[in-house]
Amino acid sequence: MSPWGGHTMSTVHGTLRADRRTKNLVKRLHPGDIAFINHADIDATAARALADTRVAAVVNAAASCTGRYPNQGPKVLVDAGVPLLDAIGDAAFERALSFEGQQAVVVGNVLRLPDNDCTQGELLTPAIVAQKLEAARANISRELDAFAGTRSSTCRKKRAYCSIRSTCRKCGLR
């Protein structure tokens, strides 16, 4: 049985549409297109916008879930039944920009551009997305600690700078 709910992953043909900004691409998409994005940690809002256009597949040059935090974008896409070919790379994305509006093909974990050049990525299934989200959940405290550490360090530096003067003109601290 396939991870796609009993259906085997078939070959997807569609018109290739690519853009560096997902929100700009969504405005140009039509049902059946293959959307090529470069969007690390794709958020649920962007994923819903892609799914709502009824694209045949989404190809992402970046990692849709880097593991920094449990973003829901990949889950939104795979739950909507949209094949998500992930982390295909910047070189393939740059090449795809020159094939805007031409026919491309996604076969499993491979994107074939109109010049028959093929590039592999990772086909994200519901099970793979669940694993990535679980790993990201385990990582969230480390990310928050890193963020808080950066902020508290900045605050300490500002307080030290401001203690040199009786009142800091820059931030108002005494």
C-alpha atoms as a PDB file:
ATOM      1  CA  MET A   1       0.000   0.000   0.000  1.00  0.00           C
ATOM      2  CA  SER A   2       1.224   3.470  -0.881  1.00  0.00           C
ATOM      3  CA  PRO A   3       1.799   6.200   1.729  1.00  0.00           C
ATOM      4  CA  TRP A   4      -0.633   8.255  -0.365  1.00  0.00           C
ATOM      5  CA  GLY A   5      -3.714   6.462   0.965  1.00  0.00           C
ATOM      6  CA  GLY A   6      -3.777   3.458  -1.354  1.00  0.00           C
ATOM      7  CA  HIS A   7      -2.904   5.310  -4.537  1.00  0.00           C
ATOM      8  CA  THR A   8       0.485   4.821  -6.118  1.00  0.00           C
ATOM      9  CA  MET A   9       2.481   7.953  -6.809  1.00  0.00           C
ATOM     10  CA  SER A  10       1.897   8.522 -10.479  1.00  0.00           C
ATOM     11  CA  THR A  11       3.742  10.685 -12.916  1.00  0.00           C
ATOM     12  CA  VAL A  12       2.670  14.306 -12.688  1.00  0.00           C
ATOM     13  CA  HIS A  13       2.823  16.476 -15.812  1.00  0.00           C
ATOM     14  CA  GLY A  14       2.174  20.190 -15.596  1.00  0.00           C
ATOM     15  CA  THR A  15       3.138  23.669 -16.615  1.00  0.00           C
ATOM     16  CA  LEU A  16       6.149  24.778 -14.614  1.00  0.00           C
ATOM     17  CA  ARG A  17       5.742  28.002 -12.658  1.00  0.00           C
ATOM     18  CA  ALA A  18       8.654  29.212 -10.516  1.00  0.00           C
ATOM     19  CA  ASP A  19       9.241  32.230  -8.335  1.00  0.00           C
ATOM     20  CA  ARG A  20      11.570  33.177  -5.509  1.00  0.00           C
ATOM     21  CA  ARG A  21       8.577  34.464  -3.536  1.00  0.00           C
ATOM     22  CA  THR A  22       5.749  32.030  -2.877  1.00  0.00           C
ATOM     23  CA  LYS A  23       3.161  34.791  -2.445  1.00  0.00           C
ATOM     24  CA  ASN A  24       3.989  36.151  -5.914  1.00  0.00           C
ATOM     25  CA  LEU A  25       3.894  32.696  -7.475  1.00  0.00           C
ATOM     26  CA  VAL A  26       0.448  31.885  -6.067  1.00  0.00           C
ATOM     27  CA  LYS A  27      -1.021  34.777  -8.059  1.00  0.00           C
ATOM     28  CA  ARG A  28       0.147  33.154 -11.335  1.00  0.00           C
ATOM     29  CA  LEU A  29      -0.741  29.523 -10.618  1.00  0.00           C
ATOM     30  CA  HIS A  30      -3.503  27.575 -12.365  1.00  0.00           C
ATOM     31  CA  PRO A  31      -4.946  24.163 -11.517  1.00  0.00           C
ATOM     32  CA  GLY A  32      -2.605  21.432 -12.730  1.00  0.00           C
ATOM     33  CA  ASP A  33       0.558  23.563 -12.661  1.00  0.00           C
ATOM     34  CA  ILE A  34       3.777  22.402 -11.042  1.00  0.00           C
ATOM     35  CA  ALA A  35       4.744  25.086  -8.526  1.00  0.00           C
ATOM     36  CA  PHE A  36       8.486  25.480  -7.967  1.00  0.00           C
ATOM     37  CA  ILE A  37       9.329  27.457  -4.834  1.00  0.00           C
ATOM     38  CA  ASN A  38      12.413  28.225  -2.772  1.00  0.00           C
ATOM     39  CA  HIS A  39      10.834  28.473   0.680  1.00  0.00           C
ATOM     40  CA  ALA A  40      12.618  27.002   3.698  1.00  0.00           C
ATOM     41  CA  ASP A  41      10.283  26.089   6.564  1.00  0.00           C
ATOM     42  CA  ILE A  42       7.177  26.775   4.525  1.00  0.00           C
ATOM     43  CA  ASP A  43       4.375  28.048   6.729  1.00  0.00           C
ATOM     44  CA  ALA A  44       0.777  26.824   6.782  1.00  0.00           C
ATOM     45  CA  THR A  45      -0.564  30.019   5.198  1.00  0.00           C
ATOM     46  CA  ALA A  46       1.705  29.753   2.151  1.00  0.00           C
ATOM     47  CA  ALA A  47       0.993  26.018   1.863  1.00  0.00           C
ATOM     48  CA  ARG A  48      -2.787  26.596   1.995  1.00  0.00           C
ATOM     49  CA  ALA A  49      -2.483  29.231  -0.714  1.00  0.00           C
ATOM     50  CA  LEU A  50      -0.600  26.734  -2.914  1.00  0.00           C
ATOM     51  CA  ALA A  51      -3.069  23.924  -2.218  1.00  0.00           C
ATOM     52  CA  ASP A  52      -6.032  26.216  -2.897  1.00  0.00           C
ATOM     53  CA  THR A  53      -4.782  26.809  -6.441  1.00  0.00           C
ATOM     54  CA  ARG A  54      -5.083  23.027  -7.009  1.00  0.00           C
ATOM     55  CA  VAL A  55      -1.528  22.610  -8.280  1.00  0.00           C
ATOM     56  CA  ALA A  56      -0.512  19.162  -9.506  1.00  0.00           C
ATOM     57  CA  ALA A  57       2.677  19.208  -7.386  1.00  0.00           C
ATOM     58  CA  VAL A  58       4.941  21.499  -5.386  1.00  0.00           C
ATOM     59  CA  VAL A  59       8.706  21.326  -5.826  1.00  0.00           C
ATOM     60  CA  ASN A  60      10.779  23.130  -3.214  1.00  0.00           C
ATOM     61  CA  ALA A  61      14.433  24.017  -3.749  1.00  0.00           C
ATOM     62  CA  ALA A  62      14.839  24.451   0.020  1.00  0.00           C
ATOM     63  CA  ALA A  63      13.950  22.125   2.874  1.00  0.00           C
ATOM     64  CA  SER A  64      10.236  22.532   3.601  1.00  0.00           C
ATOM     65  CA  CYS A  65      10.933  21.580   7.220  1.00  0.00           C
ATOM     66  CA  THR A  66      14.498  22.329   8.354  1.00  0.00           C
ATOM     67  CA  GLY A  67      13.898  21.031  11.871  1.00  0.00           C
ATOM     68  CA  ARG A  68      14.303  24.412  13.547  1.00  0.00           C
ATOM     69  CA  TYR A  69      10.645  24.461  14.574  1.00  0.00           C
ATOM     70  CA  PRO A  70       7.525  22.404  13.775  1.00  0.00           C
ATOM     71  CA  ASN A  71       6.130  24.382  10.843  1.00  0.00           C
ATOM     72  CA  GLN A  72       2.852  23.043   9.492  1.00  0.00           C
ATOM     73  CA  GLY A  73       3.237  23.909   5.794  1.00  0.00           C
ATOM     74  CA  PRO A  74       4.429  20.490   4.601  1.00  0.00           C
ATOM     75  CA  LYS A  75       1.599  18.789   6.514  1.00  0.00           C
ATOM     76  CA  VAL A  76      -0.978  21.096   4.932  1.00  0.00           C
ATOM     77  CA  LEU A  77       0.260  20.188   1.445  1.00  0.00           C
ATOM     78  CA  VAL A  78       0.495  16.423   1.898  1.00  0.00           C
ATOM     79  CA  ASP A  79      -2.835  16.325   3.755  1.00  0.00           C
ATOM     80  CA  ALA A  80      -4.368  18.097   0.747  1.00  0.00           C
ATOM     81  CA  GLY A  81      -2.952  15.355  -1.474  1.00  0.00           C
ATOM     82  CA  VAL A  82      -0.411  17.627  -3.159  1.00  0.00           C
ATOM     83  CA  PRO A  83       2.849  15.793  -3.921  1.00  0.00           C
ATOM     84  CA  LEU A  84       5.725  17.715  -2.318  1.00  0.00           C
ATOM     85  CA  LEU A  85       9.182  17.178  -3.789  1.00  0.00           C
ATOM     86  CA  ASP A  86      11.578  18.676  -1.283  1.00  0.00           C
ATOM     87  CA  ALA A  87      15.126  20.016  -1.015  1.00  0.00           C
ATOM     88  CA  ILE A  88      15.855  19.754  -4.710  1.00  0.00           C
ATOM     89  CA  GLY A  89      18.517  22.477  -4.579  1.00  0.00           C
ATOM     90  CA  ASP A  90      19.252  26.006  -5.703  1.00  0.00           C
ATOM     91  CA  ALA A  91      20.885  24.974  -8.986  1.00  0.00           C
ATOM     92  CA  ALA A  92      17.715  23.205 -10.147  1.00  0.00           C
ATOM     93  CA  PHE A  93      15.645  26.200  -9.061  1.00  0.00           C
ATOM     94  CA  GLU A  94      17.812  28.627 -11.037  1.00  0.00           C
ATOM     95  CA  ARG A  95      17.540  26.387 -14.113  1.00  0.00           C
ATOM     96  CA  ALA A  96      13.774  26.069 -13.681  1.00  0.00           C
ATOM     97  CA  LEU A  97      13.339  29.846 -13.800  1.00  0.00           C
ATOM     98  CA  SER A  98      14.358  29.757 -17.465  1.00  0.00           C
ATOM     99  CA  PHE A  99      11.653  27.147 -18.213  1.00  0.00           C
ATOM    100  CA  GLU A 100       8.741  29.165 -16.814  1.00  0.00           C
ATOM    101  CA  GLY A 101       5.522  28.259 -18.624  1.00  0.00           C
ATOM    102  CA  GLN A 102       6.874  25.065 -20.195  1.00  0.00           C
ATOM    103  CA  GLN A 103       5.903  21.469 -19.427  1.00  0.00           C
ATOM    104  CA  ALA A 104       7.764  19.643 -16.658  1.00  0.00           C
ATOM    105  CA  VAL A 105       7.308  16.226 -15.092  1.00  0.00           C
ATOM    106  CA  VAL A 106       7.536  14.933 -11.522  1.00  0.00           C
ATOM    107  CA  VAL A 107       8.047  11.179 -11.242  1.00  0.00           C
ATOM    108  CA  GLY A 108       8.347  10.078  -7.626  1.00  0.00           C
ATOM    109  CA  ASN A 109      11.340  11.938  -6.216  1.00  0.00           C
ATOM    110  CA  VAL A 110      12.590  13.255  -9.566  1.00  0.00           C
ATOM    111  CA  LEU A 111      11.848  16.500 -11.401  1.00  0.00           C
ATOM    112  CA  ARG A 112      12.405  16.406 -15.160  1.00  0.00           C
ATOM    113  CA  LEU A 113      12.724  19.821 -16.768  1.00  0.00           C
ATOM    114  CA  PRO A 114      11.768  20.501 -20.412  1.00  0.00           C
ATOM    115  CA  ASP A 115      15.371  19.911 -21.581  1.00  0.00           C
ATOM    116  CA  ASN A 116      15.154  16.380 -20.041  1.00  0.00           C
ATOM    117  CA  ASP A 117      17.568  17.319 -17.253  1.00  0.00           C
ATOM    118  CA  CYS A 118      16.541  15.409 -14.111  1.00  0.00           C
ATOM    119  CA  THR A 119      17.113  16.368 -10.492  1.00  0.00           C
ATOM    120  CA  GLN A 120      16.349  14.306  -7.403  1.00  0.00           C
ATOM    121  CA  GLY A 121      14.801  15.530  -4.203  1.00  0.00           C
ATOM    122  CA  GLU A 122      12.965  13.935  -1.317  1.00  0.00           C
ATOM    123  CA  LEU A 123       9.309  13.102  -1.894  1.00  0.00           C
ATOM    124  CA  LEU A 124       7.602  13.988   1.382  1.00  0.00           C
ATOM    125  CA  THR A 125       4.940  11.485   2.383  1.00  0.00           C
ATOM    126  CA  PRO A 126       2.615  11.906   5.366  1.00  0.00           C
ATOM    127  CA  ALA A 127       4.857   9.551   7.392  1.00  0.00           C
ATOM    128  CA  ILE A 128       8.031  11.481   6.546  1.00  0.00           C
ATOM    129  CA  VAL A 129       6.356  14.804   7.376  1.00  0.00           C
ATOM    130  CA  ALA A 130       5.207  13.388  10.738  1.00  0.00           C
ATOM    131  CA  GLN A 131       8.797  12.292  11.508  1.00  0.00           C
ATOM    132  CA  LYS A 132      10.201  15.695  10.571  1.00  0.00           C
ATOM    133  CA  LEU A 133       7.623  17.508  12.697  1.00  0.00           C
ATOM    134  CA  GLU A 134       8.349  15.270  15.686  1.00  0.00           C
ATOM    135  CA  ALA A 135      12.087  15.944  15.356  1.00  0.00           C
ATOM    136  CA  ALA A 136      11.374  19.684  15.096  1.00  0.00           C
ATOM    137  CA  ARG A 137       9.211  19.559  18.242  1.00  0.00           C
ATOM    138  CA  ALA A 138      12.134  17.977  20.090  1.00  0.00           C
ATOM    139  CA  ASN A 139      14.389  20.794  18.842  1.00  0.00           C
ATOM    140  CA  ILE A 140      12.114  23.724  19.728  1.00  0.00           C
ATOM    141  CA  SER A 141      13.470  24.241  23.262  1.00  0.00           C
ATOM    142  CA  ARG A 142      17.035  24.438  21.904  1.00  0.00           C
ATOM    143  CA  GLU A 143      15.936  27.063  19.354  1.00  0.00           C
ATOM    144  CA  LEU A 144      14.118  29.091  22.012  1.00  0.00           C
ATOM    145  CA  ASP A 145      17.153  28.929  24.311  1.00  0.00           C
ATOM    146  CA  ALA A 146      19.385  30.159  21.472  1.00  0.00           C
ATOM    147  CA  PHE A 147      16.959  32.999  20.728  1.00  0.00           C
ATOM    148  CA  ALA A 148      16.676  33.992  24.394  1.00  0.00           C
ATOM    149  CA  GLY A 149      20.453  33.834  24.816  1.00  0.00           C
ATOM    150  CA  THR A 150      20.974  36.178  21.894  1.00  0.00           C
ATOM    151  CA  ARG A 151      18.394  38.626  23.232  1.00  0.00           C
ATOM    152  CA  SER A 152      19.724  38.618  26.821  1.00  0.00           C
ATOM    153  CA  SER A 153      23.278  39.132  25.546  1.00  0.00           C
ATOM    154  CA  THR A 154      22.116  42.157  23.545  1.00  0.00           C
ATOM    155  CA  CYS A 155      20.335  43.548  26.607  1.00  0.00           C
ATOM    156  CA  ARG A 156      23.456  43.088  28.777  1.00  0.00           C
ATOM    157  CA  LYS A 157      25.574  44.929  26.196  1.00  0.00           C
ATOM    158  CA  LYS A 158      23.105  47.816  26.010  1.00  0.00           C
ATOM    159  CA  ARG A 159      22.912  48.072  29.814  1.00  0.00           C
ATOM    160  CA  ALA A 160      26.735  48.099  30.053  1.00  0.00           C
ATOM    161  CA  TYR A 161      26.935  50.807  27.385  1.00  0.00           C
ATOM    162  CA  CYS A 162      24.259  52.861  29.095  1.00  0.00           C
ATOM    163  CA  SER A 163      25.870  52.588  32.554  1.00  0.00           C
ATOM    164  CA  ILE A 164      28.746  54.687  31.249  1.00  0.00           C
ATOM    165  CA  ARG A 165      26.401  57.689  31.100  1.00  0.00           C
ATOM    166  CA  SER A 166      23.901  58.822  33.680  1.00  0.00           C
ATOM    167  CA  THR A 167      21.098  58.650  31.121  1.00  0.00           C
ATOM    168  CA  CYS A 168      21.483  57.050  27.767  1.00  0.00           C
ATOM    169  CA  ARG A 169      20.223  59.233  24.931  1.00  0.00           C
ATOM    170  CA  LYS A 170      19.849  56.192  22.713  1.00  0.00           C
ATOM    171  CA  CYS A 171      17.554  53.974  24.800  1.00  0.00           C
ATOM    172  CA  GLY A 172      16.560  56.057  27.828  1.00  0.00           C
ATOM    173  CA  LEU A 173      18.054  53.734  30.485  1.00  0.00           C
ATOM    174  CA  ARG A 174      19.420  55.287  33.693  1.00  0.00           C
END
